[in-house]
Every structure is written in structure tokens, then in C-alpha cells.
Amino acid sequence: MIKIIKEKPIKSTTSVAGILVQVTGGQWYGITIFQPSRNPWLGRASMSTTTGRMDFGRGTETFQKSFTTKPTFEELKITLMEVLNGAEPVKYEINY
């Protein structure tokens, strides 16, 4: 079973808030919260470097989920752990 062993904030100059979490096995994941214009709140996670560099190409995120209210990082950490431990990931598509 995969668990979170370390956590640190991501410094951002944009309206995206985020944290980095390290899971058992040493892999880092970035978790971000943001709200694109004319879209609901979104929470997503993707593999990351130790500095917070994430590659969000089409479909490469671990999960991307929509919320009616701003989600908490605790909610998103739970979702990430569920997905890493075998749950089906939600991959919400942004409407542009």
C-alpha cells in the first residue's frame, strides 16, 4: 500500500496553489488547485520532480477532478492515494 511520507509547498507566481508529496518508493507528485475561467474548481495531480516541475501534457496527469467549491489539499491527497492504490482515476477535461 502506497502512503505519503513527505510534503512541501510549491512556490507559485500564478493563481495556481500547490503542494508536493513524496510517496513510499521515493516518487514525488505535485498536487494543484486552480479555477480556469468559465470552469469549475479543479484539483489535479501528476508525477513531479523534487522542485515541483510537472509535465501536464494531454492525459499525462494522474487525475484531474472537478469540484463545485474550492477543494482542500487533504481531499486531493486522499484522492491521489486512492488512485495510486488502484482506484480508477477521474480525468476531467477543461472547456476552453
N, C-alpha and C. Protein backbone atom coordinates (compact mmCIF):
# COMPACT_ATOMS: atom_id res chain seq x y z
N MET A 1 0.83 -1.17 0.00
CA MET A 1 0.00 0.00 0.00
C MET A 1 0.89 1.25 0.00
N ILE A 2 0.60 2.16 -0.90
CA ILE A 2 1.37 3.39 -1.04
C ILE A 2 0.86 4.44 -0.05
N LYS A 3 1.81 5.14 0.59
CA LYS A 3 1.47 6.18 1.57
C LYS A 3 2.32 7.41 1.33
N ILE A 4 1.85 8.55 1.83
CA ILE A 4 2.61 9.80 1.75
C ILE A 4 3.61 9.82 2.89
N ILE A 5 4.89 10.11 2.56
CA ILE A 5 5.91 10.15 3.61
C ILE A 5 6.48 11.55 3.83
N LYS A 6 6.32 12.45 2.84
CA LYS A 6 6.85 13.81 2.98
C LYS A 6 5.98 14.76 2.17
N GLU A 7 5.92 16.02 2.61
CA GLU A 7 5.09 17.03 1.95
C GLU A 7 5.78 18.39 2.04
N LYS A 8 5.70 19.18 0.96
CA LYS A 8 6.23 20.54 0.99
C LYS A 8 5.45 21.41 0.02
N PRO A 9 5.38 22.73 0.27
CA PRO A 9 4.60 23.63 -0.60
C PRO A 9 5.31 23.88 -1.93
N ILE A 10 4.52 24.20 -2.95
CA ILE A 10 5.05 24.63 -4.24
C ILE A 10 4.94 26.15 -4.26
N LYS A 11 6.03 26.82 -4.58
CA LYS A 11 6.00 28.27 -4.70
C LYS A 11 5.52 28.60 -6.11
N SER A 12 4.50 29.46 -6.20
CA SER A 12 3.92 29.80 -7.49
C SER A 12 3.67 31.31 -7.58
N THR A 13 3.87 31.85 -8.77
CA THR A 13 3.58 33.26 -9.01
C THR A 13 2.25 33.42 -9.75
N THR A 14 1.53 32.34 -9.93
CA THR A 14 0.24 32.36 -10.63
C THR A 14 -0.88 32.12 -9.63
N SER A 15 -2.09 31.99 -10.14
CA SER A 15 -3.24 31.73 -9.27
C SER A 15 -3.40 30.25 -8.94
N VAL A 16 -2.42 29.44 -9.30
CA VAL A 16 -2.44 28.02 -9.00
C VAL A 16 -1.76 27.78 -7.66
N ALA A 17 -2.45 27.10 -6.75
CA ALA A 17 -1.87 26.74 -5.45
C ALA A 17 -1.47 25.27 -5.52
N GLY A 18 -0.38 24.91 -4.85
CA GLY A 18 0.03 23.52 -4.93
C GLY A 18 0.94 23.06 -3.81
N ILE A 19 1.04 21.75 -3.70
CA ILE A 19 1.96 21.11 -2.77
C ILE A 19 2.65 19.95 -3.48
N LEU A 20 3.79 19.55 -2.97
CA LEU A 20 4.49 18.36 -3.44
C LEU A 20 4.39 17.31 -2.35
N VAL A 21 4.14 16.08 -2.75
CA VAL A 21 4.13 14.98 -1.79
C VAL A 21 5.05 13.88 -2.31
N GLN A 22 5.77 13.28 -1.40
CA GLN A 22 6.61 12.13 -1.73
C GLN A 22 5.93 10.90 -1.16
N VAL A 23 5.83 9.86 -1.98
CA VAL A 23 5.16 8.64 -1.55
C VAL A 23 6.21 7.55 -1.32
N THR A 24 5.77 6.47 -0.67
CA THR A 24 6.69 5.35 -0.46
C THR A 24 7.21 4.91 -1.82
N GLY A 25 8.49 4.62 -1.88
CA GLY A 25 9.13 4.29 -3.14
C GLY A 25 9.94 5.46 -3.68
N GLY A 26 9.76 6.66 -3.09
CA GLY A 26 10.56 7.81 -3.45
C GLY A 26 10.01 8.72 -4.52
N GLN A 27 8.92 8.36 -5.20
CA GLN A 27 8.37 9.20 -6.27
C GLN A 27 7.68 10.43 -5.69
N TRP A 28 7.84 11.58 -6.37
CA TRP A 28 7.19 12.83 -5.99
C TRP A 28 5.99 13.08 -6.88
N TYR A 29 4.94 13.66 -6.32
CA TYR A 29 3.74 14.05 -7.06
C TYR A 29 3.40 15.49 -6.70
N GLY A 30 3.04 16.26 -7.71
CA GLY A 30 2.57 17.62 -7.50
C GLY A 30 1.05 17.61 -7.48
N ILE A 31 0.47 18.29 -6.51
CA ILE A 31 -1.00 18.40 -6.40
C ILE A 31 -1.32 19.89 -6.50
N THR A 32 -2.20 20.25 -7.44
CA THR A 32 -2.54 21.66 -7.63
C THR A 32 -4.05 21.89 -7.59
N ILE A 33 -4.41 23.11 -7.19
CA ILE A 33 -5.80 23.57 -7.15
C ILE A 33 -5.87 24.85 -7.97
N PHE A 34 -6.82 24.92 -8.89
CA PHE A 34 -6.98 26.13 -9.69
C PHE A 34 -8.39 26.20 -10.26
N GLN A 35 -8.76 27.37 -10.77
CA GLN A 35 -10.07 27.55 -11.38
C GLN A 35 -9.93 28.32 -12.69
N PRO A 36 -9.90 27.59 -13.82
CA PRO A 36 -9.85 28.28 -15.11
C PRO A 36 -11.13 29.08 -15.32
N SER A 37 -11.06 30.14 -16.10
CA SER A 37 -12.26 30.94 -16.34
C SER A 37 -13.34 30.10 -17.00
N ARG A 38 -14.58 30.33 -16.57
CA ARG A 38 -15.77 29.63 -17.07
C ARG A 38 -15.71 28.12 -16.84
N ASN A 39 -15.03 27.69 -15.80
CA ASN A 39 -14.93 26.28 -15.44
C ASN A 39 -15.08 26.15 -13.93
N PRO A 40 -15.38 24.93 -13.46
CA PRO A 40 -15.43 24.71 -12.00
C PRO A 40 -14.01 24.66 -11.42
N TRP A 41 -13.93 24.60 -10.09
CA TRP A 41 -12.64 24.39 -9.44
C TRP A 41 -12.10 23.04 -9.88
N LEU A 42 -10.79 22.96 -10.08
CA LEU A 42 -10.15 21.71 -10.48
C LEU A 42 -9.03 21.38 -9.52
N GLY A 43 -8.90 20.10 -9.22
CA GLY A 43 -7.78 19.59 -8.46
C GLY A 43 -7.12 18.52 -9.30
N ARG A 44 -5.80 18.56 -9.39
CA ARG A 44 -5.12 17.55 -10.20
C ARG A 44 -3.80 17.17 -9.58
N ALA A 45 -3.31 16.02 -9.99
CA ALA A 45 -2.02 15.54 -9.52
C ALA A 45 -1.28 14.91 -10.69
N SER A 46 0.04 15.01 -10.64
CA SER A 46 0.88 14.44 -11.68
C SER A 46 2.25 14.14 -11.08
N MET A 47 2.98 13.23 -11.72
CA MET A 47 4.34 12.96 -11.28
C MET A 47 5.14 14.25 -11.40
N SER A 48 6.11 14.42 -10.50
CA SER A 48 6.85 15.67 -10.42
C SER A 48 8.30 15.42 -10.06
N THR A 49 9.10 16.45 -10.25
CA THR A 49 10.47 16.41 -9.75
C THR A 49 10.44 16.93 -8.31
N THR A 50 11.56 16.88 -7.63
CA THR A 50 11.62 17.37 -6.24
C THR A 50 11.47 18.88 -6.15
N THR A 51 11.61 19.59 -7.28
CA THR A 51 11.46 21.05 -7.28
C THR A 51 10.06 21.49 -7.68
N GLY A 52 9.21 20.57 -8.06
CA GLY A 52 7.84 20.91 -8.42
C GLY A 52 7.57 20.99 -9.90
N ARG A 53 8.53 20.60 -10.71
CA ARG A 53 8.34 20.62 -12.16
C ARG A 53 7.43 19.46 -12.58
N MET A 54 6.26 19.81 -13.15
CA MET A 54 5.29 18.80 -13.57
C MET A 54 5.06 18.93 -15.07
N ASP A 55 4.84 17.81 -15.74
CA ASP A 55 4.55 17.82 -17.16
C ASP A 55 3.09 17.48 -17.35
N PHE A 56 2.27 18.49 -17.72
CA PHE A 56 0.85 18.27 -17.91
C PHE A 56 0.51 18.22 -19.39
N GLY A 57 1.07 17.26 -20.11
CA GLY A 57 0.66 17.06 -21.49
C GLY A 57 -0.72 16.44 -21.50
N ARG A 58 -1.32 16.32 -22.62
CA ARG A 58 -2.67 15.78 -22.72
C ARG A 58 -2.77 14.38 -22.13
N GLY A 59 -3.50 14.27 -21.02
CA GLY A 59 -3.75 12.96 -20.43
C GLY A 59 -2.63 12.39 -19.57
N THR A 60 -1.57 13.16 -19.29
CA THR A 60 -0.47 12.61 -18.51
C THR A 60 -0.66 12.76 -17.01
N GLU A 61 -1.68 13.54 -16.58
CA GLU A 61 -1.89 13.71 -15.15
C GLU A 61 -2.39 12.41 -14.53
N THR A 62 -2.08 12.22 -13.25
CA THR A 62 -2.54 11.05 -12.53
C THR A 62 -4.05 11.10 -12.36
N PHE A 63 -4.56 12.28 -12.01
CA PHE A 63 -6.01 12.51 -12.01
C PHE A 63 -6.26 14.00 -12.17
N GLN A 64 -7.45 14.34 -12.64
CA GLN A 64 -7.92 15.73 -12.69
C GLN A 64 -9.41 15.69 -12.44
N LYS A 65 -9.82 16.31 -11.34
CA LYS A 65 -11.19 16.19 -10.86
C LYS A 65 -11.81 17.56 -10.68
N SER A 66 -13.10 17.70 -11.03
CA SER A 66 -13.78 18.99 -10.86
C SER A 66 -14.51 19.03 -9.53
N PHE A 67 -14.66 20.25 -8.98
CA PHE A 67 -15.33 20.49 -7.71
C PHE A 67 -16.21 21.72 -7.83
N THR A 68 -17.35 21.73 -7.13
CA THR A 68 -18.23 22.90 -7.14
C THR A 68 -17.69 23.99 -6.21
N THR A 69 -17.01 23.61 -5.14
CA THR A 69 -16.36 24.56 -4.24
C THR A 69 -14.87 24.26 -4.21
N LYS A 70 -14.09 25.22 -3.75
CA LYS A 70 -12.63 25.04 -3.73
C LYS A 70 -12.26 23.84 -2.86
N PRO A 71 -11.57 22.84 -3.44
CA PRO A 71 -11.20 21.66 -2.65
C PRO A 71 -10.02 21.96 -1.71
N THR A 72 -9.85 21.11 -0.73
CA THR A 72 -8.70 21.22 0.17
C THR A 72 -7.62 20.26 -0.29
N PHE A 73 -6.39 20.52 0.15
CA PHE A 73 -5.31 19.61 -0.20
C PHE A 73 -5.51 18.25 0.46
N GLU A 74 -6.18 18.22 1.61
CA GLU A 74 -6.46 16.94 2.27
C GLU A 74 -7.34 16.07 1.38
N GLU A 75 -8.38 16.66 0.78
CA GLU A 75 -9.25 15.91 -0.14
C GLU A 75 -8.45 15.36 -1.33
N LEU A 76 -7.58 16.20 -1.87
CA LEU A 76 -6.81 15.80 -3.04
C LEU A 76 -5.75 14.75 -2.70
N LYS A 77 -5.17 14.83 -1.50
CA LYS A 77 -4.21 13.79 -1.08
C LYS A 77 -4.91 12.45 -0.94
N ILE A 78 -6.13 12.46 -0.41
CA ILE A 78 -6.90 11.21 -0.29
C ILE A 78 -7.18 10.64 -1.67
N THR A 79 -7.60 11.50 -2.61
CA THR A 79 -7.87 11.05 -3.97
C THR A 79 -6.61 10.48 -4.61
N LEU A 80 -5.47 11.15 -4.45
CA LEU A 80 -4.21 10.65 -5.01
C LEU A 80 -3.87 9.28 -4.45
N MET A 81 -4.00 9.10 -3.13
CA MET A 81 -3.68 7.81 -2.53
C MET A 81 -4.62 6.71 -3.07
N GLU A 82 -5.90 7.04 -3.24
CA GLU A 82 -6.84 6.06 -3.78
C GLU A 82 -6.43 5.64 -5.19
N VAL A 83 -6.07 6.62 -6.03
CA VAL A 83 -5.68 6.32 -7.41
C VAL A 83 -4.39 5.51 -7.45
N LEU A 84 -3.40 5.90 -6.64
CA LEU A 84 -2.12 5.17 -6.64
C LEU A 84 -2.28 3.75 -6.10
N ASN A 85 -3.30 3.54 -5.27
CA ASN A 85 -3.53 2.21 -4.72
C ASN A 85 -4.55 1.41 -5.52
N GLY A 86 -4.88 1.87 -6.75
CA GLY A 86 -5.68 1.04 -7.63
C GLY A 86 -7.05 1.54 -8.04
N ALA A 87 -7.52 2.65 -7.50
CA ALA A 87 -8.84 3.16 -7.90
C ALA A 87 -8.78 3.75 -9.31
N GLU A 88 -9.90 3.79 -9.98
CA GLU A 88 -9.99 4.35 -11.33
C GLU A 88 -9.83 5.88 -11.27
N PRO A 89 -8.87 6.46 -12.01
CA PRO A 89 -8.67 7.91 -11.95
C PRO A 89 -9.74 8.67 -12.73
N VAL A 90 -10.12 9.84 -12.21
CA VAL A 90 -11.04 10.75 -12.89
C VAL A 90 -10.18 11.70 -13.71
N LYS A 91 -10.52 11.88 -14.99
CA LYS A 91 -9.75 12.78 -15.85
C LYS A 91 -10.70 13.78 -16.50
N TYR A 92 -11.07 14.81 -15.74
CA TYR A 92 -11.97 15.85 -16.21
C TYR A 92 -11.28 16.69 -17.29
N GLU A 93 -12.00 16.99 -18.35
CA GLU A 93 -11.47 17.81 -19.43
C GLU A 93 -11.91 19.27 -19.26
N ILE A 94 -10.99 20.21 -19.39
CA ILE A 94 -11.28 21.64 -19.27
C ILE A 94 -11.97 22.11 -20.55
N ASN A 95 -13.01 22.95 -20.40
CA ASN A 95 -13.69 23.55 -21.54
C ASN A 95 -13.06 24.89 -21.84
N TYR A 96 -12.54 25.06 -23.02
CA TYR A 96 -11.92 26.33 -23.41
C TYR A 96 -12.85 27.14 -24.27
